[in-house]
Amino acid sequence: MTASPTSANGLYALILSVFLLATLIIDPPVAAAADLVDVANIVRTRHCGEASLPDKPLVASAQLDSAVEAVADGAEVNAAIAAAGYRANSSASVRVSTSRGKDDAVARELSEHFCHLLADPEFADIGVYRRGKEVWLLLADGAPLPAPNDADLLDRVLGRLNDIRAEGGRCGGNDFPSGPPLKRSSELDAAARAHAEDMARNSFLAHTGSDGSNPGERASHAGYDWRVVAENVASGQTSPDDIAATWLDSAGHCANLRDAKYVETGIAYALNPGDGRDIYWVQVYAAGN
């Protein structure tokens, strides 16, 4: 494959790339014993048309290796990816069967029939599995989860949501004027965090907690003396724009976000990778007595 400046095996990869290119041209009877990831990357960067060559090689993923082995055993692709703990925006699987099962033959099949997938710059990671004369590849674009309690992410999410409040707008059939920014409350942060952790721990999405509590009770339990209180919840989002779009798409959540009667907020998320939702968000809105 094309050597990366940070690769410890850069010279090996360069030699391998030249060697495999030769095998594709002269078709020798004895195939090169090359790593399948290198084979895929040589096809990706050398044999799929000058106009569509990605500038980054596919990166080997142990999680996708596990997933593609499960696919070879008959598992559904999305289920196998989720079970392996990989969070994908998109994915594609490839199965190649050759008479010899050698790497030069695999490379030729990939070049002739699967360039549209291998050259797709959307895909960044790859998992590979070989069984006899058959090879399976799994290509994916990862959507990594944030670190727990990332203060910078929470600040950016709140900043995006406050920008929306400042714009004003329509939620369902109601118009909301421009509103002031919400101010963080440590007590409301605690209430939001408790509910996010409850949902993540028990894999559910609701305003009622696993103990039967509602948003007002959780705010009171955290020590906030509230006059009005509301709550937004969501799951699966990893960026400020994603969480904003989710709540704007729901009339009730949108109204909570834009309503100027709420002046303070708490916001939190919690993680449960691999449960199907992966990340759980809570924002509490309130005004105190």
Protein backbone atom coordinates (compact mmCIF):
# COMPACT_ATOMS: atom_id res chain seq x y z
CA MET A 1 0.00 0.00 0.00
CA THR A 2 1.09 3.62 -0.24
CA ALA A 3 3.52 4.27 2.59
CA SER A 4 2.35 6.54 5.39
CA PRO A 5 4.85 8.95 7.01
CA THR A 6 3.92 7.49 10.39
CA SER A 7 4.08 3.80 9.36
CA ALA A 8 6.84 1.70 10.88
CA ASN A 9 6.47 -0.65 7.90
CA GLY A 10 6.66 2.04 5.24
CA LEU A 11 9.49 0.42 3.25
CA TYR A 12 7.81 -2.99 3.38
CA ALA A 13 4.53 -1.50 2.21
CA LEU A 14 6.24 0.27 -0.70
CA ILE A 15 8.00 -2.90 -1.83
CA LEU A 16 4.79 -4.87 -1.44
CA SER A 17 2.90 -2.31 -3.50
CA VAL A 18 5.35 -2.60 -6.40
CA PHE A 19 5.34 -6.39 -6.19
CA LEU A 20 1.57 -6.70 -6.21
CA LEU A 21 1.28 -4.26 -9.08
CA ALA A 22 3.54 -6.55 -11.06
CA THR A 23 1.45 -9.59 -10.23
CA LEU A 24 -1.67 -7.84 -11.50
CA ILE A 25 0.04 -7.10 -14.81
CA ILE A 26 1.89 -10.36 -15.56
CA ASP A 27 -0.45 -12.77 -13.73
CA PRO A 28 2.17 -15.22 -12.43
CA PRO A 29 1.14 -18.75 -11.45
CA VAL A 30 2.45 -18.28 -7.93
CA ALA A 31 0.70 -15.48 -5.99
CA ALA A 32 2.28 -13.04 -3.55
CA ALA A 33 1.65 -13.81 0.12
CA ALA A 34 0.44 -10.29 0.90
CA ASP A 35 -1.71 -9.04 3.74
CA LEU A 36 -5.31 -8.59 2.62
CA VAL A 37 -5.48 -5.05 3.96
CA ASP A 38 -2.49 -4.15 1.80
CA VAL A 39 -4.14 -5.82 -1.19
CA ALA A 40 -7.31 -3.79 -0.67
CA ASN A 41 -5.34 -0.57 -0.33
CA ILE A 42 -3.30 -1.19 -3.46
CA VAL A 43 -6.51 -1.68 -5.41
CA ARG A 44 -8.03 1.38 -3.71
CA THR A 45 -5.16 3.70 -4.57
CA ARG A 46 -3.85 2.24 -7.83
CA HIS A 47 -6.54 0.48 -9.84
CA CYS A 48 -9.81 2.34 -9.51
CA GLY A 49 -9.45 5.26 -11.92
CA GLU A 50 -7.45 8.43 -11.55
CA ALA A 51 -10.51 10.60 -10.91
CA SER A 52 -11.67 8.74 -7.84
CA LEU A 53 -8.53 7.76 -5.96
CA PRO A 54 -8.84 8.43 -2.20
CA ASP A 55 -5.82 10.04 -0.59
CA LYS A 56 -6.03 7.92 2.56
CA PRO A 57 -5.61 4.15 2.84
CA LEU A 58 -8.12 2.02 4.66
CA VAL A 59 -7.14 1.39 8.28
CA ALA A 60 -7.28 -2.11 9.72
CA SER A 61 -9.83 -2.48 12.51
CA ALA A 62 -9.83 -5.38 14.96
CA GLN A 63 -13.51 -4.75 15.64
CA LEU A 64 -14.34 -5.02 11.95
CA ASP A 65 -12.19 -8.15 11.72
CA SER A 66 -14.40 -9.69 14.38
CA ALA A 67 -17.54 -8.45 12.64
CA VAL A 68 -16.59 -9.74 9.20
CA GLU A 69 -15.80 -13.18 10.60
CA ALA A 70 -19.31 -13.24 12.00
CA VAL A 71 -20.63 -12.17 8.59
CA ALA A 72 -18.75 -15.09 7.03
CA ASP A 73 -20.58 -17.33 9.50
CA GLY A 74 -23.94 -15.97 8.36
CA ALA A 75 -24.56 -12.96 10.59
CA GLU A 76 -26.32 -9.87 9.25
CA VAL A 77 -23.82 -7.08 8.57
CA ASN A 78 -25.28 -4.33 10.79
CA ALA A 79 -25.89 -6.74 13.64
CA ALA A 80 -22.34 -8.08 13.41
CA ILE A 81 -20.86 -4.58 13.40
CA ALA A 82 -22.89 -3.57 16.45
CA ALA A 83 -22.02 -6.78 18.30
CA ALA A 84 -18.33 -6.11 17.68
CA GLY A 85 -18.67 -2.72 19.35
CA TYR A 86 -17.96 -0.70 16.21
CA ARG A 87 -20.16 2.35 15.65
CA ALA A 88 -20.65 2.88 11.91
CA ASN A 89 -22.13 5.72 9.91
CA SER A 90 -22.10 3.49 6.84
CA SER A 91 -20.73 0.11 5.81
CA ALA A 92 -20.42 -2.34 2.93
CA SER A 93 -19.37 -5.97 2.74
CA VAL A 94 -17.52 -7.76 -0.07
CA ARG A 95 -17.13 -11.49 -0.64
CA VAL A 96 -14.57 -12.78 -3.13
CA SER A 97 -14.16 -16.41 -4.17
CA THR A 98 -11.33 -17.43 -6.50
CA SER A 99 -10.17 -20.75 -7.87
CA ARG A 100 -6.81 -20.44 -6.15
CA GLY A 101 -7.59 -18.13 -3.25
CA LYS A 102 -4.30 -16.31 -3.75
CA ASP A 103 -3.79 -12.61 -3.15
CA ASP A 104 -3.11 -11.68 -6.78
CA ALA A 105 -6.40 -13.32 -7.79
CA VAL A 106 -8.21 -11.56 -4.96
CA ALA A 107 -6.71 -8.26 -6.06
CA ARG A 108 -7.87 -8.82 -9.63
CA GLU A 109 -11.43 -9.61 -8.52
CA LEU A 110 -11.52 -6.52 -6.32
CA SER A 111 -10.14 -4.34 -9.10
CA GLU A 112 -12.59 -5.64 -11.71
CA HIS A 113 -15.78 -5.82 -9.65
CA PHE A 114 -15.54 -3.79 -6.42
CA CYS A 115 -13.66 -0.59 -7.22
CA HIS A 116 -16.79 1.48 -6.59
CA LEU A 117 -16.65 0.35 -2.94
CA LEU A 118 -12.90 0.24 -2.35
CA ALA A 119 -12.37 3.69 -3.89
CA ASP A 120 -15.22 5.30 -1.97
CA PRO A 121 -13.55 7.97 0.23
CA GLU A 122 -16.45 7.68 2.67
CA PHE A 123 -15.01 4.41 3.97
CA ALA A 124 -12.05 4.76 6.33
CA ASP A 125 -11.74 1.38 8.10
CA ILE A 126 -11.57 -2.23 6.98
CA GLY A 127 -11.94 -5.69 8.47
CA VAL A 128 -10.78 -8.83 6.63
CA TYR A 129 -11.32 -12.57 6.97
CA ARG A 130 -10.08 -15.48 4.88
CA ARG A 131 -11.43 -19.02 4.85
CA GLY A 132 -9.90 -21.33 2.29
CA LYS A 133 -10.33 -19.80 -1.16
CA GLU A 134 -12.87 -17.23 0.00
CA VAL A 135 -12.20 -13.75 1.33
CA TRP A 136 -14.58 -11.35 3.08
CA LEU A 137 -13.97 -7.61 3.46
CA LEU A 138 -15.99 -5.21 5.58
CA LEU A 139 -15.63 -1.50 4.83
CA ALA A 140 -16.98 1.13 7.19
CA ASP A 141 -17.00 4.76 8.19
CA GLY A 142 -16.72 5.00 11.95
CA ALA A 143 -18.66 7.33 14.21
CA PRO A 144 -16.62 7.20 17.40
CA LEU A 145 -18.25 7.97 20.71
CA PRO A 146 -16.94 10.89 22.76
CA ALA A 147 -15.03 10.35 25.95
CA PRO A 148 -17.18 10.28 29.09
CA ASN A 149 -18.11 13.70 30.49
CA ASP A 150 -16.30 15.70 27.81
CA ALA A 151 -16.69 19.25 29.13
CA ASP A 152 -15.74 20.81 25.79
CA LEU A 153 -18.41 18.79 23.96
CA LEU A 154 -21.06 19.82 26.49
CA ASP A 155 -20.05 23.47 26.13
CA ARG A 156 -20.26 23.23 22.34
CA VAL A 157 -23.67 21.55 22.48
CA LEU A 158 -25.02 24.20 24.83
CA GLY A 159 -23.53 26.92 22.65
CA ARG A 160 -25.30 25.51 19.59
CA LEU A 161 -28.60 25.28 21.48
CA ASN A 162 -28.28 28.81 22.79
CA ASP A 163 -27.66 30.01 19.23
CA ILE A 164 -30.98 28.44 18.26
CA ARG A 165 -32.74 30.22 21.15
CA ALA A 166 -31.26 33.51 20.00
CA GLU A 167 -32.61 33.00 16.48
CA GLY A 168 -36.20 32.40 17.51
CA GLY A 169 -38.40 30.31 15.25
CA ARG A 170 -41.41 28.03 14.87
CA CYS A 171 -42.01 24.80 16.76
CA GLY A 172 -45.02 22.90 15.52
CA GLY A 173 -47.72 25.55 15.16
CA ASN A 174 -46.19 28.04 17.60
CA ASP A 175 -43.78 30.90 16.98
CA PHE A 176 -41.11 31.70 19.56
CA PRO A 177 -39.27 35.04 19.70
CA SER A 178 -35.56 35.32 20.23
CA GLY A 179 -34.66 34.26 23.76
CA PRO A 180 -31.73 34.81 26.13
CA PRO A 181 -29.06 32.12 26.54
CA LEU A 182 -29.64 29.42 29.11
CA LYS A 183 -27.27 29.53 32.08
CA ARG A 184 -25.76 26.32 33.44
CA SER A 185 -26.90 25.18 36.89
CA SER A 186 -24.82 22.64 38.80
CA GLU A 187 -27.98 21.23 40.38
CA LEU A 188 -29.68 20.81 37.01
CA ASP A 189 -26.47 19.31 35.60
CA ALA A 190 -26.66 16.72 38.37
CA ALA A 191 -30.31 15.97 37.57
CA ALA A 192 -29.52 15.59 33.85
CA ARG A 193 -26.51 13.39 34.54
CA ALA A 194 -28.45 11.10 36.87
CA HIS A 195 -31.16 10.50 34.29
CA ALA A 196 -28.69 10.06 31.41
CA GLU A 197 -26.78 7.47 33.43
CA ASP A 198 -30.02 5.71 34.37
CA MET A 199 -31.08 5.46 30.71
CA ALA A 200 -27.64 4.29 29.58
CA ARG A 201 -27.34 1.73 32.37
CA ASN A 202 -30.79 0.28 31.65
CA SER A 203 -30.91 0.84 27.86
CA PHE A 204 -34.12 2.86 27.58
CA LEU A 205 -35.15 6.30 26.36
CA ALA A 206 -37.96 8.03 28.27
CA HIS A 207 -38.74 10.95 30.57
CA THR A 208 -39.78 8.56 33.33
CA GLY A 209 -36.80 7.09 35.17
CA SER A 210 -36.36 3.43 35.95
CA ASP A 211 -37.39 4.30 39.52
CA GLY A 212 -40.57 6.02 38.29
CA SER A 213 -39.23 9.54 38.79
CA ASN A 214 -40.18 12.48 36.54
CA PRO A 215 -38.05 15.51 35.55
CA GLY A 216 -39.38 17.72 38.38
CA GLU A 217 -38.67 15.09 41.01
CA ARG A 218 -35.15 14.60 39.73
CA ALA A 219 -34.51 18.36 39.76
CA SER A 220 -35.82 18.61 43.33
CA HIS A 221 -33.74 15.61 44.41
CA ALA A 222 -30.66 17.40 43.03
CA GLY A 223 -31.46 20.43 45.21
CA TYR A 224 -33.02 22.78 42.64
CA ASP A 225 -36.05 24.77 43.89
CA TRP A 226 -37.96 25.08 40.64
CA ARG A 227 -41.02 27.06 39.53
CA VAL A 228 -41.20 25.50 36.04
CA VAL A 229 -39.21 22.57 34.66
CA ALA A 230 -39.01 20.58 31.44
CA GLU A 231 -36.69 18.02 29.89
CA ASN A 232 -35.40 16.91 26.51
CA VAL A 233 -33.91 13.45 25.91
CA ALA A 234 -32.28 11.85 22.87
CA SER A 235 -29.94 9.02 21.94
CA GLY A 236 -27.34 8.24 19.31
CA GLN A 237 -26.07 11.76 18.53
CA THR A 238 -22.38 12.64 18.79
CA SER A 239 -22.19 16.27 17.65
CA PRO A 240 -23.84 19.60 18.52
CA ASP A 241 -25.49 19.80 15.09
CA ASP A 242 -26.91 16.27 15.41
CA ILE A 243 -28.44 16.85 18.83
CA ALA A 244 -29.84 20.22 17.74
CA ALA A 245 -31.40 18.73 14.61
CA THR A 246 -33.00 15.93 16.62
CA TRP A 247 -34.68 18.27 19.07
CA LEU A 248 -35.76 20.78 16.43
CA ASP A 249 -37.46 17.93 14.57
CA SER A 250 -39.78 17.30 17.55
CA ALA A 251 -42.36 20.01 18.26
CA GLY A 252 -42.32 19.39 22.02
CA HIS A 253 -38.53 19.27 22.34
CA CYS A 254 -38.21 22.29 20.07
CA ALA A 255 -40.63 24.26 22.25
CA ASN A 256 -38.71 23.40 25.42
CA LEU A 257 -35.52 24.59 23.77
CA ARG A 258 -36.91 27.91 22.51
CA ASP A 259 -39.24 28.85 25.39
CA ALA A 260 -37.91 31.97 27.16
CA LYS A 261 -39.64 31.07 30.44
CA TYR A 262 -36.77 28.65 31.05
CA VAL A 263 -33.63 30.51 32.09
CA GLU A 264 -31.36 27.82 33.54
CA THR A 265 -30.31 24.43 32.28
CA GLY A 266 -28.43 21.25 33.03
CA ILE A 267 -27.02 19.06 30.29
CA ALA A 268 -25.33 15.67 30.31
CA TYR A 269 -24.77 12.48 28.36
CA ALA A 270 -23.90 8.92 29.30
CA LEU A 271 -22.50 6.02 27.28
CA ASN A 272 -23.43 2.39 26.79
CA PRO A 273 -21.46 1.32 23.70
CA GLY A 274 -22.98 -1.53 21.75
CA ASP A 275 -26.51 -1.42 23.20
CA GLY A 276 -27.99 -0.06 19.97
CA ARG A 277 -28.24 3.56 21.11
CA ASP A 278 -24.71 3.95 22.50
CA ILE A 279 -25.06 7.48 23.89
CA TYR A 280 -27.92 9.08 25.85
CA TRP A 281 -28.53 12.81 26.16
CA VAL A 282 -30.54 14.81 28.69
CA GLN A 283 -31.13 18.55 28.91
CA VAL A 284 -33.17 19.96 31.79
CA TYR A 285 -34.78 23.41 31.47
CA ALA A 286 -36.03 25.34 34.49
CA ALA A 287 -36.67 28.61 36.26
CA GLY A 288 -36.31 28.80 40.02
CA ASN A 289 -38.58 30.18 42.72
